[in-house]
PDB file of N, CA and C in Angstrom:
ATOM      1  N   MET A   1      43.672  20.427  15.145  1.00  0.00           N
ATOM      2  CA  MET A   1      42.981  20.103  16.374  1.00  0.00           C
ATOM      3  C   MET A   1      43.407  18.628  16.741  1.00  0.00           C
ATOM      4  N   LYS A   2      43.882  18.440  17.951  1.00  0.00           N
ATOM      5  CA  LYS A   2      44.148  17.129  18.409  1.00  0.00           C
ATOM      6  C   LYS A   2      42.972  16.434  18.971  1.00  0.00           C
ATOM      7  N   LEU A   3      42.852  15.157  18.629  1.00  0.00           N
ATOM      8  CA  LEU A   3      41.649  14.357  19.051  1.00  0.00           C
ATOM      9  C   LEU A   3      41.498  14.392  20.598  1.00  0.00           C
ATOM     10  N   GLU A   4      42.589  14.366  21.283  1.00  0.00           N
ATOM     11  CA  GLU A   4      42.567  14.286  22.756  1.00  0.00           C
ATOM     12  C   GLU A   4      42.111  15.641  23.404  1.00  0.00           C
ATOM     13  N   ASP A   5      42.097  16.629  22.600  1.00  0.00           N
ATOM     14  CA  ASP A   5      41.611  17.993  22.987  1.00  0.00           C
ATOM     15  C   ASP A   5      40.086  18.203  22.872  1.00  0.00           C
ATOM     16  N   VAL A   6      39.418  17.205  22.195  1.00  0.00           N
ATOM     17  CA  VAL A   6      38.072  17.338  21.811  1.00  0.00           C
ATOM     18  C   VAL A   6      37.251  16.444  22.804  1.00  0.00           C
ATOM     19  N   THR A   7      36.070  16.982  23.274  1.00  0.00           N
ATOM     20  CA  THR A   7      35.185  16.205  24.064  1.00  0.00           C
ATOM     21  C   THR A   7      33.957  15.806  23.174  1.00  0.00           C
ATOM     22  N   LEU A   8      33.258  14.836  23.562  1.00  0.00           N
ATOM     23  CA  LEU A   8      32.068  14.390  22.817  1.00  0.00           C
ATOM     24  C   LEU A   8      31.016  15.534  22.702  1.00  0.00           C
ATOM     25  N   ASP A   9      30.964  16.397  23.677  1.00  0.00           N
ATOM     26  CA  ASP A   9      30.054  17.464  23.621  1.00  0.00           C
ATOM     27  C   ASP A   9      30.402  18.643  22.615  1.00  0.00           C
ATOM     28  N   ASP A  10      31.638  18.569  22.171  1.00  0.00           N
ATOM     29  CA  ASP A  10      32.134  19.612  21.243  1.00  0.00           C
ATOM     30  C   ASP A  10      31.793  19.345  19.765  1.00  0.00           C
ATOM     31  N   VAL A  11      31.312  18.131  19.495  1.00  0.00           N
ATOM     32  CA  VAL A  11      31.094  17.810  18.030  1.00  0.00           C
ATOM     33  C   VAL A  11      29.623  17.300  17.856  1.00  0.00           C
ATOM     34  N   ASP A  12      29.237  17.295  16.485  1.00  0.00           N
ATOM     35  CA  ASP A  12      27.914  16.895  16.111  1.00  0.00           C
ATOM     36  C   ASP A  12      27.835  15.378  16.094  1.00  0.00           C
ATOM     37  N   GLU A  13      26.708  14.832  16.429  1.00  0.00           N
ATOM     38  CA  GLU A  13      26.350  13.448  16.223  1.00  0.00           C
ATOM     39  C   GLU A  13      25.733  13.335  14.797  1.00  0.00           C
ATOM     40  N   ILE A  14      26.361  12.485  13.968  1.00  0.00           N
ATOM     41  CA  ILE A  14      25.848  12.465  12.548  1.00  0.00           C
ATOM     42  C   ILE A  14      24.908  11.334  12.273  1.00  0.00           C
ATOM     43  N   SER A  15      24.686  10.480  13.236  1.00  0.00           N
ATOM     44  CA  SER A  15      23.811   9.318  13.013  1.00  0.00           C
ATOM     45  C   SER A  15      22.418   9.745  12.587  1.00  0.00           C
ATOM     46  N   PRO A  16      21.867  10.809  13.158  1.00  0.00           N
ATOM     47  CA  PRO A  16      20.436  11.128  12.708  1.00  0.00           C
ATOM     48  C   PRO A  16      20.419  11.976  11.421  1.00  0.00           C
ATOM     49  N   ILE A  17      21.542  12.379  10.844  1.00  0.00           N
ATOM     50  CA  ILE A  17      21.497  13.141   9.663  1.00  0.00           C
ATOM     51  C   ILE A  17      21.061  12.278   8.459  1.00  0.00           C
ATOM     52  N   LYS A  18      20.174  12.865   7.680  1.00  0.00           N
ATOM     53  CA  LYS A  18      19.668  12.190   6.501  1.00  0.00           C
ATOM     54  C   LYS A  18      20.222  12.903   5.268  1.00  0.00           C
ATOM     55  N   ILE A  19      20.865  12.119   4.407  1.00  0.00           N
ATOM     56  CA  ILE A  19      21.397  12.525   3.142  1.00  0.00           C
ATOM     57  C   ILE A  19      20.716  11.813   1.998  1.00  0.00           C
ATOM     58  N   ASP A  20      20.223  12.515   0.987  1.00  0.00           N
ATOM     59  CA  ASP A  20      19.552  11.914  -0.123  1.00  0.00           C
ATOM     60  C   ASP A  20      20.503  11.054  -0.994  1.00  0.00           C
ATOM     61  N   LYS A  21      20.364   9.831  -0.974  1.00  0.00           N
ATOM     62  CA  LYS A  21      21.263   8.930  -1.719  1.00  0.00           C
ATOM     63  C   LYS A  21      21.124   8.999  -3.257  1.00  0.00           C
ATOM     64  N   ARG A  22      20.059   9.651  -3.683  1.00  0.00           N
ATOM     65  CA  ARG A  22      19.864   9.692  -5.087  1.00  0.00           C
ATOM     66  C   ARG A  22      20.611  10.993  -5.660  1.00  0.00           C
ATOM     67  N   LYS A  23      21.114  11.826  -4.827  1.00  0.00           N
ATOM     68  CA  LYS A  23      21.849  13.017  -5.298  1.00  0.00           C
ATOM     69  C   LYS A  23      23.285  12.569  -5.656  1.00  0.00           C
ATOM     70  N   PRO A  24      23.949  13.333  -6.602  1.00  0.00           N
ATOM     71  CA  PRO A  24      25.298  13.030  -6.950  1.00  0.00           C
ATOM     72  C   PRO A  24      26.246  13.190  -5.764  1.00  0.00           C
ATOM     73  N   ASN A  25      27.422  12.567  -5.790  1.00  0.00           N
ATOM     74  CA  ASN A  25      28.363  12.591  -4.713  1.00  0.00           C
ATOM     75  C   ASN A  25      28.635  13.984  -4.241  1.00  0.00           C
ATOM     76  N   GLU A  26      28.862  14.845  -5.174  1.00  0.00           N
ATOM     77  CA  GLU A  26      29.250  16.260  -4.812  1.00  0.00           C
ATOM     78  C   GLU A  26      28.131  16.941  -4.013  1.00  0.00           C
ATOM     79  N   GLU A  27      26.892  16.761  -4.327  1.00  0.00           N
ATOM     80  CA  GLU A  27      25.736  17.336  -3.696  1.00  0.00           C
ATOM     81  C   GLU A  27      25.610  16.742  -2.275  1.00  0.00           C
ATOM     82  N   ARG A  28      25.834  15.342  -2.226  1.00  0.00           N
ATOM     83  CA  ARG A  28      25.797  14.703  -0.839  1.00  0.00           C
ATOM     84  C   ARG A  28      26.855  15.296   0.064  1.00  0.00           C
ATOM     85  N   ILE A  29      28.096  15.555  -0.433  1.00  0.00           N
ATOM     86  CA  ILE A  29      29.126  16.048   0.415  1.00  0.00           C
ATOM     87  C   ILE A  29      28.766  17.428   0.785  1.00  0.00           C
ATOM     88  N   LEU A  30      28.211  18.286  -0.038  1.00  0.00           N
ATOM     89  CA  LEU A  30      27.841  19.700   0.369  1.00  0.00           C
ATOM     90  C   LEU A  30      26.698  19.607   1.418  1.00  0.00           C
ATOM     91  N   ASP A  31      25.786  18.668   1.228  1.00  0.00           N
ATOM     92  CA  ASP A  31      24.640  18.560   2.204  1.00  0.00           C
ATOM     93  C   ASP A  31      25.245  18.219   3.585  1.00  0.00           C
ATOM     94  N   PHE A  32      26.182  17.297   3.611  1.00  0.00           N
ATOM     95  CA  PHE A  32      26.780  16.812   4.847  1.00  0.00           C
ATOM     96  C   PHE A  32      27.483  17.968   5.501  1.00  0.00           C
ATOM     97  N   ILE A  33      28.341  18.713   4.771  1.00  0.00           N
ATOM     98  CA  ILE A  33      29.101  19.780   5.335  1.00  0.00           C
ATOM     99  C   ILE A  33      28.180  20.904   5.809  1.00  0.00           C
ATOM    100  N   ALA A  34      27.032  21.118   5.161  1.00  0.00           N
ATOM    101  CA  ALA A  34      26.112  22.139   5.641  1.00  0.00           C
ATOM    102  C   ALA A  34      25.375  21.760   6.929  1.00  0.00           C
ATOM    103  N   LYS A  35      25.333  20.425   7.240  1.00  0.00           N
ATOM    104  CA  LYS A  35      24.561  19.933   8.322  1.00  0.00           C
ATOM    105  C   LYS A  35      25.399  19.712   9.602  1.00  0.00           C
ATOM    106  N   VAL A  36      26.691  19.770   9.476  1.00  0.00           N
ATOM    107  CA  VAL A  36      27.586  19.591  10.672  1.00  0.00           C
ATOM    108  C   VAL A  36      28.507  20.756  10.838  1.00  0.00           C
ATOM    109  N   LYS A  37      28.873  21.102  12.026  1.00  0.00           N
ATOM    110  CA  LYS A  37      29.717  22.313  12.295  1.00  0.00           C
ATOM    111  C   LYS A  37      31.132  22.069  11.801  1.00  0.00           C
ATOM    112  N   LYS A  38      31.692  20.940  12.173  1.00  0.00           N
ATOM    113  CA  LYS A  38      33.082  20.611  11.751  1.00  0.00           C
ATOM    114  C   LYS A  38      33.026  19.288  11.032  1.00  0.00           C
ATOM    115  N   PHE A  39      33.111  19.298   9.736  1.00  0.00           N
ATOM    116  CA  PHE A  39      32.865  18.051   8.981  1.00  0.00           C
ATOM    117  C   PHE A  39      34.083  17.117   9.043  1.00  0.00           C
ATOM    118  N   TYR A  40      35.144  17.546   9.669  1.00  0.00           N
ATOM    119  CA  TYR A  40      36.374  16.710   9.671  1.00  0.00           C
ATOM    120  C   TYR A  40      36.439  16.057  11.098  1.00  0.00           C
ATOM    121  N   ILE A  41      35.553  16.390  12.018  1.00  0.00           N
ATOM    122  CA  ILE A  41      35.529  15.694  13.321  1.00  0.00           C
ATOM    123  C   ILE A  41      34.055  15.701  13.825  1.00  0.00           C
ATOM    124  N   PHE A  42      33.606  14.462  14.131  1.00  0.00           N
ATOM    125  CA  PHE A  42      32.170  14.268  14.473  1.00  0.00           C
ATOM    126  C   PHE A  42      31.969  13.032  15.282  1.00  0.00           C
ATOM    127  N   LYS A  43      30.785  12.726  15.701  1.00  0.00           N
ATOM    128  CA  LYS A  43      30.422  11.556  16.409  1.00  0.00           C
ATOM    129  C   LYS A  43      29.649  10.637  15.466  1.00  0.00           C
ATOM    130  N   VAL A  44      29.815   9.356  15.629  1.00  0.00           N
ATOM    131  CA  VAL A  44      28.926   8.312  15.001  1.00  0.00           C
ATOM    132  C   VAL A  44      28.542   7.410  16.107  1.00  0.00           C
ATOM    133  N   ASN A  45      27.286   7.321  16.406  1.00  0.00           N
ATOM    134  CA  ASN A  45      26.776   6.465  17.525  1.00  0.00           C
ATOM    135  C   ASN A  45      27.629   6.679  18.743  1.00  0.00           C
ATOM    136  N   GLY A  46      27.935   7.931  19.125  1.00  0.00           N
ATOM    137  CA  GLY A  46      28.647   8.298  20.302  1.00  0.00           C
ATOM    138  C   GLY A  46      30.131   8.155  20.249  1.00  0.00           C
ATOM    139  N   LYS A  47      30.683   7.673  19.141  1.00  0.00           N
ATOM    140  CA  LYS A  47      32.144   7.541  19.029  1.00  0.00           C
ATOM    141  C   LYS A  47      32.686   8.618  18.236  1.00  0.00           C
ATOM    142  N   LEU A  48      33.821   9.174  18.778  1.00  0.00           N
ATOM    143  CA  LEU A  48      34.495  10.271  18.082  1.00  0.00           C
ATOM    144  C   LEU A  48      35.247   9.810  16.807  1.00  0.00           C
ATOM    145  N   VAL A  49      35.079  10.634  15.794  1.00  0.00           N
ATOM    146  CA  VAL A  49      35.654  10.229  14.428  1.00  0.00           C
ATOM    147  C   VAL A  49      36.330  11.516  13.992  1.00  0.00           C
ATOM    148  N   ARG A  50      37.652  11.385  13.551  1.00  0.00           N
ATOM    149  CA  ARG A  50      38.326  12.508  13.029  1.00  0.00           C
ATOM    150  C   ARG A  50      38.925  12.074  11.663  1.00  0.00           C
ATOM    151  N   MET A  51      38.638  12.863  10.650  1.00  0.00           N
ATOM    152  CA  MET A  51      39.201  12.585   9.301  1.00  0.00           C
ATOM    153  C   MET A  51      40.452  13.337   9.180  1.00  0.00           C
ATOM    154  N   ARG A  52      41.478  12.680   8.619  1.00  0.00           N
ATOM    155  CA  ARG A  52      42.805  13.297   8.337  1.00  0.00           C
ATOM    156  C   ARG A  52      43.143  13.016   6.930  1.00  0.00           C
ATOM    157  N   PHE A  53      43.874  13.941   6.353  1.00  0.00           N
ATOM    158  CA  PHE A  53      44.357  13.769   5.057  1.00  0.00           C
ATOM    159  C   PHE A  53      45.844  13.872   5.017  1.00  0.00           C
ATOM    160  N   THR A  54      46.530  13.187   4.173  1.00  0.00           N
ATOM    161  CA  THR A  54      47.943  13.166   4.071  1.00  0.00           C
ATOM    162  C   THR A  54      48.422  13.464   2.597  1.00  0.00           C
ATOM    163  N   GLU A  55      49.587  13.914   2.528  1.00  0.00           N
ATOM    164  CA  GLU A  55      50.167  14.111   1.169  1.00  0.00           C
ATOM    165  C   GLU A  55      50.784  12.824   0.652  1.00  0.00           C
ATOM    166  N   ASN A  56      50.813  11.775   1.388  1.00  0.00           N
ATOM    167  CA  ASN A  56      51.483  10.506   0.969  1.00  0.00           C
ATOM    168  C   ASN A  56      50.480   9.595   0.315  1.00  0.00           C
ATOM    169  N   THR A  57      49.490  10.113  -0.287  1.00  0.00           N
ATOM    170  CA  THR A  57      48.524   9.283  -1.045  1.00  0.00           C
ATOM    171  C   THR A  57      48.073   9.982  -2.372  1.00  0.00           C
ATOM    172  N   ASP A  58      47.521   9.224  -3.231  1.00  0.00           N
ATOM    173  CA  ASP A  58      46.932   9.799  -4.461  1.00  0.00           C
ATOM    174  C   ASP A  58      45.558  10.243  -4.301  1.00  0.00           C
ATOM    175  N   LEU A  59      44.954  10.000  -3.132  1.00  0.00           N
ATOM    176  CA  LEU A  59      43.593  10.367  -2.901  1.00  0.00           C
ATOM    177  C   LEU A  59      43.501  11.843  -2.488  1.00  0.00           C
ATOM    178  N   THR A  60      42.524  12.577  -3.044  1.00  0.00           N
ATOM    179  CA  THR A  60      42.218  13.883  -2.605  1.00  0.00           C
ATOM    180  C   THR A  60      41.319  13.951  -1.321  1.00  0.00           C
ATOM    181  N   ALA A  61      41.219  15.087  -0.744  1.00  0.00           N
ATOM    182  CA  ALA A  61      40.237  15.329   0.410  1.00  0.00           C
ATOM    183  C   ALA A  61      38.829  14.930  -0.023  1.00  0.00           C
ATOM    184  N   ASP A  62      38.463  15.265  -1.264  1.00  0.00           N
ATOM    185  CA  ASP A  62      37.131  15.001  -1.778  1.00  0.00           C
ATOM    186  C   ASP A  62      36.952  13.464  -1.910  1.00  0.00           C
ATOM    187  N   ASP A  63      37.992  12.784  -2.444  1.00  0.00           N
ATOM    188  CA  ASP A  63      37.919  11.385  -2.538  1.00  0.00           C
ATOM    189  C   ASP A  63      37.665  10.749  -1.199  1.00  0.00           C
ATOM    190  N   CYS A  64      38.425  11.103  -0.163  1.00  0.00           N
ATOM    191  CA  CYS A  64      38.337  10.555   1.123  1.00  0.00           C
ATOM    192  C   CYS A  64      36.928  10.819   1.781  1.00  0.00           C
ATOM    193  N   LEU A  65      36.465  12.092   1.668  1.00  0.00           N
ATOM    194  CA  LEU A  65      35.161  12.415   2.225  1.00  0.00           C
ATOM    195  C   LEU A  65      34.077  11.651   1.527  1.00  0.00           C
ATOM    196  N   THR A  66      34.150  11.496   0.171  1.00  0.00           N
ATOM    197  CA  THR A  66      33.174  10.752  -0.565  1.00  0.00           C
ATOM    198  C   THR A  66      33.185   9.288  -0.044  1.00  0.00           C
ATOM    199  N   ARG A  67      34.310   8.701   0.152  1.00  0.00           N
ATOM    200  CA  ARG A  67      34.356   7.279   0.672  1.00  0.00           C
ATOM    201  C   ARG A  67      33.750   7.235   1.995  1.00  0.00           C
ATOM    202  N   VAL A  68      33.948   8.179   2.889  1.00  0.00           N
ATOM    203  CA  VAL A  68      33.336   8.071   4.264  1.00  0.00           C
ATOM    204  C   VAL A  68      31.895   8.212   4.196  1.00  0.00           C
ATOM    205  N   LEU A  69      31.316   9.128   3.336  1.00  0.00           N
ATOM    206  CA  LEU A  69      29.903   9.300   3.220  1.00  0.00           C
ATOM    207  C   LEU A  69      29.258   8.139   2.548  1.00  0.00           C
ATOM    208  N   GLU A  70      29.936   7.556   1.503  1.00  0.00           N
ATOM    209  CA  GLU A  70      29.376   6.427   0.880  1.00  0.00           C
ATOM    210  C   GLU A  70      29.268   5.151   1.914  1.00  0.00           C
ATOM    211  N   ASN A  71      30.311   5.082   2.762  1.00  0.00           N
ATOM    212  CA  ASN A  71      30.241   3.949   3.705  1.00  0.00           C
ATOM    213  C   ASN A  71      29.152   4.167   4.801  1.00  0.00           C
ATOM    214  N   LEU A  72      28.996   5.365   5.182  1.00  0.00           N
ATOM    215  CA  LEU A  72      27.986   5.810   6.268  1.00  0.00           C
ATOM    216  C   LEU A  72      26.553   5.649   5.781  1.00  0.00           C
ATOM    217  N   TYR A  73      26.358   6.102   4.498  1.00  0.00           N
ATOM    218  CA  TYR A  73      24.975   6.186   3.965  1.00  0.00           C
ATOM    219  C   TYR A  73      24.659   5.255   2.940  1.00  0.00           C
ATOM    220  N   ARG A  74      25.057   3.972   2.994  1.00  0.00           N
ATOM    221  CA  ARG A  74      24.699   2.930   2.020  1.00  0.00           C
ATOM    222  C   ARG A  74      23.364   2.471   2.156  1.00  0.00           C
TER     223      ARG A  74
END
C-alpha cells in the first residue's frame, strides 16, 4: 500500500489507545494489533504513519514494532 493512496479517514487514530505498560512487550504488541485495523499504517495526532520493514537490517518486524510501541507509550 502506497502512502499517497491512503487518506486520513482510511486509518485508525492511535492516540486514544491505552496499552498496559506493565505487560510484557509481546502482550503489548498483540493488544495494539487487536485495537487497530491496519497496524502498519495509522494516525498519531492526525499525522499519517506507515511502518516499513526491510531486509537490509538485522532488526525483525517484531523488533521494529516493539520500538515504535515503546516510544509511543513511555
